[in-house]
Amino acid sequence: MSHADNPELHKRLRRAEGHLNSVVRMVCEGRDCLAIAQQMQAVIKALEKSKQMLILDHIDHHLEDVTGPLSPNEQEKIAVFREIVKYL
């Protein structure tokens, strides 16, 4: 499955889109700055999670296409790499 077919990624991106639409609406309505900033933070978090998911999906589905089957030792190193990606 590629990222184009990943329903969880699509769900996260739609969530980010919804938060962003809320920010635009709140700005147009002249809503409180604190509320807008909080909603903007929700957009940022949703996009960060989507980005992580996209990168991990790419690692999971395309790395072996390039390298061939991975040994257990190599798989363990990739597992560590996947953990590090969470901090991007």
Protein backbone atom coordinates (compact mmCIF):
# COMPACT_ATOMS: atom_id res chain seq x y z
CA MET A 1 0.00 0.00 0.00
CA SER A 2 1.35 3.44 -0.88
CA HIS A 3 0.64 6.68 0.93
CA ALA A 4 -1.97 7.41 -1.74
CA ASP A 5 -3.98 4.47 -0.39
CA ASN A 6 -3.32 5.03 3.33
CA PRO A 7 -6.68 5.83 4.96
CA GLU A 8 -5.07 6.93 8.24
CA LEU A 9 -2.90 9.48 6.42
CA HIS A 10 -5.93 10.79 4.54
CA LYS A 11 -7.83 11.05 7.84
CA ARG A 12 -5.04 13.04 9.47
CA LEU A 13 -4.75 15.39 6.50
CA ARG A 14 -8.51 15.97 6.48
CA ARG A 15 -8.29 16.75 10.19
CA ALA A 16 -5.56 19.33 9.50
CA GLU A 17 -7.67 20.77 6.70
CA GLY A 18 -10.63 21.10 9.05
CA HIS A 19 -8.51 22.87 11.67
CA LEU A 20 -7.14 25.25 9.04
CA ASN A 21 -10.63 26.02 7.76
CA SER A 22 -11.57 26.85 11.35
CA VAL A 23 -8.63 29.24 11.64
CA VAL A 24 -9.63 31.08 8.47
CA ARG A 25 -13.23 31.33 9.66
CA MET A 26 -12.15 32.54 13.11
CA VAL A 27 -9.91 35.25 11.63
CA CYS A 28 -12.70 36.43 9.31
CA GLU A 29 -15.09 36.57 12.27
CA GLY A 30 -12.61 38.60 14.33
CA ARG A 31 -12.40 35.94 17.04
CA ASP A 32 -10.10 36.14 20.04
CA CYS A 33 -6.36 35.91 19.29
CA LEU A 34 -5.80 33.22 21.92
CA ALA A 35 -8.49 30.98 20.42
CA ILE A 36 -7.04 31.48 16.93
CA ALA A 37 -3.51 30.71 18.14
CA GLN A 38 -4.75 27.53 19.83
CA GLN A 39 -6.47 26.44 16.64
CA MET A 40 -3.31 27.22 14.64
CA GLN A 41 -1.39 24.98 17.01
CA ALA A 42 -3.87 22.19 16.25
CA VAL A 43 -3.16 22.70 12.52
CA ILE A 44 0.58 22.50 13.11
CA LYS A 45 0.30 19.34 15.24
CA ALA A 46 -1.99 17.64 12.73
CA LEU A 47 0.44 18.43 9.90
CA GLU A 48 3.43 17.26 11.94
CA LYS A 49 1.72 13.94 12.64
CA SER A 50 0.80 13.62 8.96
CA LYS A 51 4.39 14.31 7.94
CA GLN A 52 5.70 11.67 10.33
CA MET A 53 3.18 9.16 9.06
CA LEU A 54 4.10 9.90 5.44
CA ILE A 55 7.83 9.45 6.13
CA LEU A 56 7.31 6.23 8.08
CA ASP A 57 5.00 4.92 5.38
CA HIS A 58 7.68 5.63 2.81
CA ILE A 59 10.32 3.84 4.86
CA ASP A 60 8.06 0.85 5.41
CA HIS A 61 6.97 0.46 1.81
CA HIS A 62 9.90 1.58 -0.31
CA LEU A 63 13.14 0.82 1.49
CA GLU A 64 13.15 -2.89 0.68
CA ASP A 65 12.31 -2.05 -2.94
CA VAL A 66 15.72 -0.40 -3.14
CA THR A 67 17.79 -2.64 -0.87
CA GLY A 68 16.09 -5.99 -1.20
CA PRO A 69 15.07 -8.07 1.83
CA LEU A 70 16.55 -6.81 5.09
CA SER A 71 18.32 -9.01 7.62
CA PRO A 72 17.01 -9.08 11.20
CA ASN A 73 19.92 -6.84 12.23
CA GLU A 74 19.08 -4.33 9.50
CA GLN A 75 15.39 -4.45 10.45
CA GLU A 76 16.36 -3.64 14.04
CA LYS A 77 18.36 -0.62 12.84
CA ILE A 78 15.39 0.53 10.77
CA ALA A 79 13.16 0.19 13.84
CA VAL A 80 15.49 2.58 15.69
CA PHE A 81 15.43 4.94 12.72
CA ARG A 82 11.61 4.86 12.78
CA GLU A 83 11.71 5.91 16.43
CA ILE A 84 14.06 8.80 15.64
CA VAL A 85 11.70 10.01 12.89
CA LYS A 86 9.11 10.72 15.59
CA TYR A 87 11.24 13.66 16.65
CA LEU A 88 11.24 15.36 13.25
